[in-house]
C-alpha atoms as a PDB file:
ATOM      1  CA  UNK A   1     -29.178 -61.777 -68.575  1.00  0.00           C
ATOM      2  CA  UNK A   2     -27.971 -58.192 -69.024  1.00  0.00           C
ATOM      3  CA  UNK A   3     -29.460 -58.032 -72.532  1.00  0.00           C
ATOM      4  CA  UNK A   4     -32.765 -59.368 -71.203  1.00  0.00           C
ATOM      5  CA  UNK A   5     -32.851 -56.680 -68.507  1.00  0.00           C
ATOM      6  CA  UNK A   6     -32.140 -53.948 -71.070  1.00  0.00           C
ATOM      7  CA  UNK A   7     -34.951 -55.239 -73.285  1.00  0.00           C
ATOM      8  CA  UNK A   8     -37.376 -55.279 -70.358  1.00  0.00           C
ATOM      9  CA  UNK A   9     -36.422 -51.719 -69.490  1.00  0.00           C
ATOM     10  CA  UNK A  10     -37.107 -50.582 -73.043  1.00  0.00           C
ATOM     11  CA  UNK A  11     -40.415 -52.431 -73.253  1.00  0.00           C
ATOM     12  CA  UNK A  12     -41.943 -50.619 -70.287  1.00  0.00           C
ATOM     13  CA  UNK A  13     -40.475 -47.200 -71.055  1.00  0.00           C
ATOM     14  CA  UNK A  14     -41.534 -44.529 -73.524  1.00  0.00           C
ATOM     15  CA  UNK A  15     -39.277 -41.740 -74.759  1.00  0.00           C
ATOM     16  CA  UNK A  16     -40.468 -38.606 -76.541  1.00  0.00           C
ATOM     17  CA  UNK A  17     -38.723 -35.722 -78.274  1.00  0.00           C
ATOM     18  CA  UNK A  18     -40.108 -32.356 -79.334  1.00  0.00           C
ATOM     19  CA  UNK A  19     -38.248 -30.327 -81.939  1.00  0.00           C
ATOM     20  CA  UNK A  20     -38.719 -26.745 -83.036  1.00  0.00           C
ATOM     21  CA  UNK A  21     -39.371 -26.185 -86.743  1.00  0.00           C
ATOM     22  CA  UNK A  22     -38.112 -24.924 -89.020  1.00  0.00           C
ATOM     23  CA  UNK A  23     -34.747 -26.335 -87.997  1.00  0.00           C
ATOM     24  CA  UNK A  24     -32.810 -23.088 -88.281  1.00  0.00           C
ATOM     25  CA  UNK A  25     -29.291 -22.358 -87.142  1.00  0.00           C
ATOM     26  CA  UNK A  26     -29.514 -20.572 -83.807  1.00  0.00           C
ATOM     27  CA  UNK A  27     -27.139 -19.441 -81.130  1.00  0.00           C
ATOM     28  CA  UNK A  28     -26.969 -22.356 -78.676  1.00  0.00           C
ATOM     29  CA  UNK A  29     -27.727 -20.221 -75.624  1.00  0.00           C
ATOM     30  CA  UNK A  30     -30.646 -18.536 -77.378  1.00  0.00           C
ATOM     31  CA  UNK A  31     -31.983 -21.894 -78.555  1.00  0.00           C
ATOM     32  CA  UNK A  32     -31.762 -23.258 -75.024  1.00  0.00           C
ATOM     33  CA  UNK A  33     -33.673 -20.265 -73.684  1.00  0.00           C
ATOM     34  CA  UNK A  34     -36.400 -20.683 -76.313  1.00  0.00           C
ATOM     35  CA  UNK A  35     -36.850 -24.393 -75.604  1.00  0.00           C
ATOM     36  CA  UNK A  36     -36.895 -23.909 -71.845  1.00  0.00           C
ATOM     37  CA  UNK A  37     -39.651 -21.320 -72.248  1.00  0.00           C
ATOM     38  CA  UNK A  38     -41.604 -23.820 -74.331  1.00  0.00           C
ATOM     39  CA  UNK A  39     -41.237 -26.387 -71.568  1.00  0.00           C
ATOM     40  CA  UNK A  40     -42.681 -23.907 -69.075  1.00  0.00           C
ATOM     41  CA  UNK A  41     -45.572 -23.055 -71.404  1.00  0.00           C
ATOM     42  CA  UNK A  42     -46.356 -26.707 -72.123  1.00  0.00           C
ATOM     43  CA  UNK A  43     -46.293 -27.795 -68.486  1.00  0.00           C
ATOM     44  CA  UNK A  44     -48.447 -24.813 -67.505  1.00  0.00           C
ATOM     45  CA  UNK A  45     -50.930 -25.377 -70.324  1.00  0.00           C
ATOM     46  CA  UNK A  46     -51.359 -29.102 -69.655  1.00  0.00           C
ATOM     47  CA  UNK A  47     -51.104 -28.993 -65.862  1.00  0.00           C
ATOM     48  CA  UNK A  48     -54.898 -29.418 -65.428  1.00  0.00           C
ATOM     49  CA  UNK A  49     -54.549 -32.846 -67.067  1.00  0.00           C
ATOM     50  CA  UNK A  50     -51.109 -33.876 -65.869  1.00  0.00           C
ATOM     51  CA  UNK A  51     -51.256 -32.901 -62.192  1.00  0.00           C
ATOM     52  CA  UNK A  52     -54.298 -34.989 -61.149  1.00  0.00           C
ATOM     53  CA  UNK A  53     -53.280 -37.970 -63.288  1.00  0.00           C
ATOM     54  CA  UNK A  54     -51.982 -40.863 -61.181  1.00  0.00           C
ATOM     55  CA  UNK A  55     -49.055 -42.518 -62.950  1.00  0.00           C
ATOM     56  CA  UNK A  56     -48.051 -46.050 -62.110  1.00  0.00           C
ATOM     57  CA  UNK A  57     -44.321 -45.305 -62.081  1.00  0.00           C
ATOM     58  CA  UNK A  58     -43.095 -42.046 -63.547  1.00  0.00           C
ATOM     59  CA  UNK A  59     -44.971 -38.944 -64.723  1.00  0.00           C
ATOM     60  CA  UNK A  60     -44.802 -37.153 -68.039  1.00  0.00           C
ATOM     61  CA  UNK A  61     -41.831 -34.804 -68.014  1.00  0.00           C
ATOM     62  CA  UNK A  62     -39.829 -32.585 -70.325  1.00  0.00           C
ATOM     63  CA  UNK A  63     -36.310 -31.260 -70.064  1.00  0.00           C
ATOM     64  CA  UNK A  64     -33.900 -29.465 -72.328  1.00  0.00           C
ATOM     65  CA  UNK A  65     -31.463 -31.660 -74.214  1.00  0.00           C
ATOM     66  CA  UNK A  66     -28.541 -29.980 -75.997  1.00  0.00           C
ATOM     67  CA  UNK A  67     -27.669 -30.790 -79.579  1.00  0.00           C
ATOM     68  CA  UNK A  68     -25.265 -33.665 -80.098  1.00  0.00           C
ATOM     69  CA  UNK A  69     -24.039 -35.777 -82.994  1.00  0.00           C
ATOM     70  CA  UNK A  70     -26.103 -34.027 -85.639  1.00  0.00           C
ATOM     71  CA  UNK A  71     -29.286 -34.071 -83.546  1.00  0.00           C
ATOM     72  CA  UNK A  72     -30.384 -30.485 -82.819  1.00  0.00           C
ATOM     73  CA  UNK A  73     -31.231 -29.313 -79.330  1.00  0.00           C
ATOM     74  CA  UNK A  74     -34.734 -30.332 -78.325  1.00  0.00           C
ATOM     75  CA  UNK A  75     -37.117 -31.128 -75.495  1.00  0.00           C
ATOM     76  CA  UNK A  76     -36.853 -34.664 -74.221  1.00  0.00           C
ATOM     77  CA  UNK A  77     -38.758 -36.851 -71.818  1.00  0.00           C
ATOM     78  CA  UNK A  78     -38.775 -40.461 -70.686  1.00  0.00           C
ATOM     79  CA  UNK A  79     -41.442 -42.219 -68.647  1.00  0.00           C
ATOM     80  CA  UNK A  80     -41.385 -45.712 -67.226  1.00  0.00           C
ATOM     81  CA  UNK A  81     -45.002 -46.860 -67.348  1.00  0.00           C
ATOM     82  CA  UNK A  82     -44.484 -50.348 -65.939  1.00  0.00           C
ATOM     83  CA  UNK A  83     -47.555 -52.567 -66.291  1.00  0.00           C
ATOM     84  CA  UNK A  84     -49.919 -49.718 -67.097  1.00  0.00           C
ATOM     85  CA  UNK A  85     -49.948 -49.455 -70.888  1.00  0.00           C
ATOM     86  CA  UNK A  86     -52.627 -46.776 -70.533  1.00  0.00           C
ATOM     87  CA  UNK A  87     -49.952 -44.382 -69.240  1.00  0.00           C
ATOM     88  CA  UNK A  88     -48.118 -44.781 -72.543  1.00  0.00           C
ATOM     89  CA  UNK A  89     -51.240 -44.056 -74.593  1.00  0.00           C
ATOM     90  CA  UNK A  90     -52.064 -41.053 -72.437  1.00  0.00           C
ATOM     91  CA  UNK A  91     -48.618 -39.686 -73.285  1.00  0.00           C
ATOM     92  CA  UNK A  92     -49.375 -40.245 -76.980  1.00  0.00           C
ATOM     93  CA  UNK A  93     -52.516 -38.150 -76.497  1.00  0.00           C
ATOM     94  CA  UNK A  94     -50.581 -35.419 -74.670  1.00  0.00           C
ATOM     95  CA  UNK A  95     -47.882 -35.267 -77.365  1.00  0.00           C
ATOM     96  CA  UNK A  96     -50.540 -35.096 -80.074  1.00  0.00           C
ATOM     97  CA  UNK A  97     -52.237 -32.200 -78.281  1.00  0.00           C
ATOM     98  CA  UNK A  98     -48.942 -30.378 -77.722  1.00  0.00           C
ATOM     99  CA  UNK A  99     -48.169 -30.382 -81.452  1.00  0.00           C
ATOM    100  CA  UNK A 100     -51.721 -29.257 -82.151  1.00  0.00           C
ATOM    101  CA  UNK A 101     -51.589 -26.297 -79.786  1.00  0.00           C
ATOM    102  CA  UNK A 102     -47.963 -25.467 -80.566  1.00  0.00           C
ATOM    103  CA  UNK A 103     -47.780 -26.060 -84.349  1.00  0.00           C
ATOM    104  CA  UNK A 104     -44.160 -24.935 -84.461  1.00  0.00           C
ATOM    105  CA  UNK A 105     -43.254 -28.078 -82.507  1.00  0.00           C
ATOM    106  CA  UNK A 106     -43.072 -31.627 -83.845  1.00  0.00           C
ATOM    107  CA  UNK A 107     -42.628 -34.902 -82.006  1.00  0.00           C
ATOM    108  CA  UNK A 108     -40.292 -36.931 -84.162  1.00  0.00           C
ATOM    109  CA  UNK A 109     -38.613 -40.322 -84.215  1.00  0.00           C
ATOM    110  CA  UNK A 110     -37.156 -40.000 -87.715  1.00  0.00           C
ATOM    111  CA  UNK A 111     -39.918 -41.455 -89.921  1.00  0.00           C
ATOM    112  CA  UNK A 112     -42.912 -41.309 -87.573  1.00  0.00           C
ATOM    113  CA  UNK A 113     -43.999 -38.116 -85.869  1.00  0.00           C
ATOM    114  CA  UNK A 114     -46.820 -35.818 -84.857  1.00  0.00           C
ATOM    115  CA  UNK A 115     -47.119 -32.477 -86.623  1.00  0.00           C
ATOM    116  CA  UNK A 116     -50.000 -30.021 -86.099  1.00  0.00           C
ATOM    117  CA  UNK A 117     -51.712 -32.736 -84.077  1.00  0.00           C
ATOM    118  CA  UNK A 118     -51.670 -35.200 -86.979  1.00  0.00           C
ATOM    119  CA  UNK A 119     -49.776 -38.461 -87.303  1.00  0.00           C
ATOM    120  CA  UNK A 120     -47.320 -38.346 -90.194  1.00  0.00           C
ATOM    121  CA  UNK A 121     -44.963 -40.912 -91.680  1.00  0.00           C
ATOM    122  CA  UNK A 122     -42.019 -40.286 -93.974  1.00  0.00           C
ATOM    123  CA  UNK A 123     -42.271 -43.201 -96.411  1.00  0.00           C
ATOM    124  CA  UNK A 124     -39.358 -45.185 -97.731  1.00  0.00           C
ATOM    125  CA  UNK A 125     -38.974 -44.545-101.480  1.00  0.00           C
ATOM    126  CA  UNK A 126     -40.312 -47.410-103.583  1.00  0.00           C
ATOM    127  CA  UNK A 127     -37.712 -46.790-106.266  1.00  0.00           C
ATOM    128  CA  UNK A 128     -34.382 -45.050-105.995  1.00  0.00           C
ATOM    129  CA  UNK A 129     -34.772 -41.472-107.187  1.00  0.00           C
ATOM    130  CA  UNK A 130     -38.548 -41.756-107.617  1.00  0.00           C
ATOM    131  CA  UNK A 131     -39.098 -38.959-105.112  1.00  0.00           C
ATOM    132  CA  UNK A 132     -36.085 -36.685-104.956  1.00  0.00           C
ATOM    133  CA  UNK A 133     -37.058 -35.345-101.527  1.00  0.00           C
ATOM    134  CA  UNK A 134     -37.170 -38.810 -99.937  1.00  0.00           C
ATOM    135  CA  UNK A 135     -33.853 -40.104 -98.564  1.00  0.00           C
ATOM    136  CA  UNK A 136     -32.967 -43.622 -99.687  1.00  0.00           C
ATOM    137  CA  UNK A 137     -31.704 -44.462 -96.207  1.00  0.00           C
ATOM    138  CA  UNK A 138     -33.466 -43.914 -92.863  1.00  0.00           C
ATOM    139  CA  UNK A 139     -33.600 -40.123 -92.462  1.00  0.00           C
ATOM    140  CA  UNK A 140     -31.580 -38.339 -89.857  1.00  0.00           C
ATOM    141  CA  UNK A 141     -33.410 -36.006 -87.493  1.00  0.00           C
ATOM    142  CA  UNK A 142     -32.328 -32.882 -89.452  1.00  0.00           C
ATOM    143  CA  UNK A 143     -33.472 -34.517 -92.708  1.00  0.00           C
ATOM    144  CA  UNK A 144     -36.807 -35.446 -91.140  1.00  0.00           C
ATOM    145  CA  UNK A 145     -37.340 -31.908 -89.848  1.00  0.00           C
ATOM    146  CA  UNK A 146     -36.577 -30.463 -93.284  1.00  0.00           C
ATOM    147  CA  UNK A 147     -39.037 -32.865 -94.925  1.00  0.00           C
ATOM    148  CA  UNK A 148     -41.692 -31.965 -92.360  1.00  0.00           C
ATOM    149  CA  UNK A 149     -41.198 -28.285 -93.129  1.00  0.00           C
ATOM    150  CA  UNK A 150     -41.179 -28.612 -96.920  1.00  0.00           C
ATOM    151  CA  UNK A 151     -43.546 -31.532 -97.599  1.00  0.00           C
ATOM    152  CA  UNK A 152     -45.920 -31.818 -94.637  1.00  0.00           C
ATOM    153  CA  UNK A 153     -48.952 -32.355 -96.896  1.00  0.00           C
ATOM    154  CA  UNK A 154     -47.312 -35.361 -98.582  1.00  0.00           C
ATOM    155  CA  UNK A 155     -46.479 -37.335 -95.474  1.00  0.00           C
ATOM    156  CA  UNK A 156     -49.790 -37.436 -93.631  1.00  0.00           C
ATOM    157  CA  UNK A 157     -50.362 -41.004 -92.432  1.00  0.00           C
ATOM    158  CA  UNK A 158     -53.159 -42.932 -94.115  1.00  0.00           C
ATOM    159  CA  UNK A 159     -56.682 -42.507 -92.818  1.00  0.00           C
ATOM    160  CA  UNK A 160     -56.746 -46.073 -91.480  1.00  0.00           C
ATOM    161  CA  UNK A 161     -53.531 -45.623 -89.479  1.00  0.00           C
ATOM    162  CA  UNK A 162     -54.630 -42.289 -88.040  1.00  0.00           C
ATOM    163  CA  UNK A 163     -58.037 -43.749 -87.194  1.00  0.00           C
ATOM    164  CA  UNK A 164     -56.410 -46.670 -85.354  1.00  0.00           C
ATOM    165  CA  UNK A 165     -54.352 -44.308 -83.183  1.00  0.00           C
ATOM    166  CA  UNK A 166     -57.300 -41.990 -82.582  1.00  0.00           C
ATOM    167  CA  UNK A 167     -59.469 -44.920 -81.474  1.00  0.00           C
ATOM    168  CA  UNK A 168     -56.857 -45.887 -78.917  1.00  0.00           C
ATOM    169  CA  UNK A 169     -56.635 -42.414 -77.373  1.00  0.00           C
ATOM    170  CA  UNK A 170     -60.315 -41.541 -77.761  1.00  0.00           C
ATOM    171  CA  UNK A 171     -61.978 -40.269 -74.610  1.00  0.00           C
ATOM    172  CA  UNK A 172     -59.104 -38.305 -73.143  1.00  0.00           C
ATOM    173  CA  UNK A 173     -59.015 -36.223 -71.058  1.00  0.00           C
ATOM    174  CA  UNK A 174     -62.487 -37.141 -69.736  1.00  0.00           C
ATOM    175  CA  UNK A 175     -61.682 -40.805 -69.203  1.00  0.00           C
ATOM    176  CA  UNK A 176     -58.907 -39.957 -66.743  1.00  0.00           C
ATOM    177  CA  UNK A 177     -61.513 -39.756 -63.996  1.00  0.00           C
ATOM    178  CA  UNK A 178     -63.354 -42.802 -65.309  1.00  0.00           C
ATOM    179  CA  UNK A 179     -60.155 -44.862 -65.038  1.00  0.00           C
ATOM    180  CA  UNK A 180     -59.672 -44.169 -61.342  1.00  0.00           C
ATOM    181  CA  UNK A 181     -60.314 -47.049 -58.937  1.00  0.00           C
ATOM    182  CA  UNK A 182     -61.802 -46.328 -55.535  1.00  0.00           C
ATOM    183  CA  UNK A 183     -61.454 -48.301 -52.318  1.00  0.00           C
ATOM    184  CA  UNK A 184     -62.052 -47.609 -48.636  1.00  0.00           C
ATOM    185  CA  UNK A 185     -59.236 -48.214 -46.179  1.00  0.00           C
ATOM    186  CA  UNK A 186     -58.034 -47.018 -42.788  1.00  0.00           C
ATOM    187  CA  UNK A 187     -54.834 -44.969 -42.797  1.00  0.00           C
ATOM    188  CA  UNK A 188     -52.914 -42.969 -40.186  1.00  0.00           C
ATOM    189  CA  UNK A 189     -53.829 -39.288 -40.207  1.00  0.00           C
ATOM    190  CA  UNK A 190     -50.300 -38.298 -41.235  1.00  0.00           C
ATOM    191  CA  UNK A 191     -50.419 -40.477 -44.355  1.00  0.00           C
ATOM    192  CA  UNK A 192     -53.855 -39.112 -45.244  1.00  0.00           C
ATOM    193  CA  UNK A 193     -52.486 -35.568 -45.070  1.00  0.00           C
ATOM    194  CA  UNK A 194     -49.560 -36.459 -47.341  1.00  0.00           C
ATOM    195  CA  UNK A 195     -51.778 -38.214 -49.898  1.00  0.00           C
ATOM    196  CA  UNK A 196     -54.099 -35.228 -50.062  1.00  0.00           C
ATOM    197  CA  UNK A 197     -51.126 -33.083 -51.023  1.00  0.00           C
ATOM    198  CA  UNK A 198     -49.522 -35.660 -53.318  1.00  0.00           C
ATOM    199  CA  UNK A 199     -52.165 -38.135 -54.526  1.00  0.00           C
ATOM    200  CA  UNK A 200     -49.780 -39.681 -57.057  1.00  0.00           C
ATOM    201  CA  UNK A 201     -48.008 -41.381 -54.119  1.00  0.00           C
ATOM    202  CA  UNK A 202     -50.970 -43.765 -54.025  1.00  0.00           C
ATOM    203  CA  UNK A 203     -49.474 -45.548 -57.041  1.00  0.00           C
ATOM    204  CA  UNK A 204     -46.164 -46.127 -55.254  1.00  0.00           C
ATOM    205  CA  UNK A 205     -47.964 -47.429 -52.165  1.00  0.00           C
ATOM    206  CA  UNK A 206     -50.122 -49.822 -54.182  1.00  0.00           C
ATOM    207  CA  UNK A 207     -47.116 -51.060 -56.129  1.00  0.00           C
ATOM    208  CA  UNK A 208     -45.165 -51.698 -52.926  1.00  0.00           C
ATOM    209  CA  UNK A 209     -48.153 -53.644 -51.582  1.00  0.00           C
ATOM    210  CA  UNK A 210     -48.608 -56.018 -54.503  1.00  0.00           C
ATOM    211  CA  UNK A 211     -44.865 -56.525 -55.031  1.00  0.00           C
ATOM    212  CA  UNK A 212     -44.256 -57.436 -51.392  1.00  0.00           C
ATOM    213  CA  UNK A 213     -42.714 -60.802 -50.540  1.00  0.00           C
ATOM    214  CA  UNK A 214     -43.085 -62.995 -47.419  1.00  0.00           C
ATOM    215  CA  UNK A 215     -40.231 -61.151 -45.705  1.00  0.00           C
ATOM    216  CA  UNK A 216     -42.216 -57.901 -45.927  1.00  0.00           C
ATOM    217  CA  UNK A 217     -45.262 -59.391 -44.183  1.00  0.00           C
END
């Protein structure tokens, strides 16, 4: 049962990491300051899209994560999207745009990542030693960042793969408004005032309504 619950949690949750390239040795305090400034710049730049977006469960977020176990310090976020798979794809769009507007940042999960707004994949070598720059085992984050820096032109994902991803996120940010559902209902004035200030609370209210059980009625 515990394993099933963990799997369910992973299936409706998306994690994302943004690393600074090149992966140079930096004073930890200085690196933290740099990354925190990037977080501020990113949130400010994308606020016009992120603020009005109504998330089903959790919003897009970034926080500083210190280096640990060979993984350099980076920006990290996790969002539980629940039943709304569109939240996950919107995050893919946001991450893609972040790496496009901040080319010194990459979103990496070892072999698959966004760099300069393009989807890239570090391939597994077909033969041992065929490509000296390709690790024979799954690359570590530092290895991946070094490959991105030195061989970015060689690891661009195929046109068909990039086209498939682009088709899925096509229409953003315009389709944010098109995806909104509208309904008329009577609410107490106090709740109306709160929702005007924090419209994303609508999602929590709707979720509580459709997840209610007979005891709640």
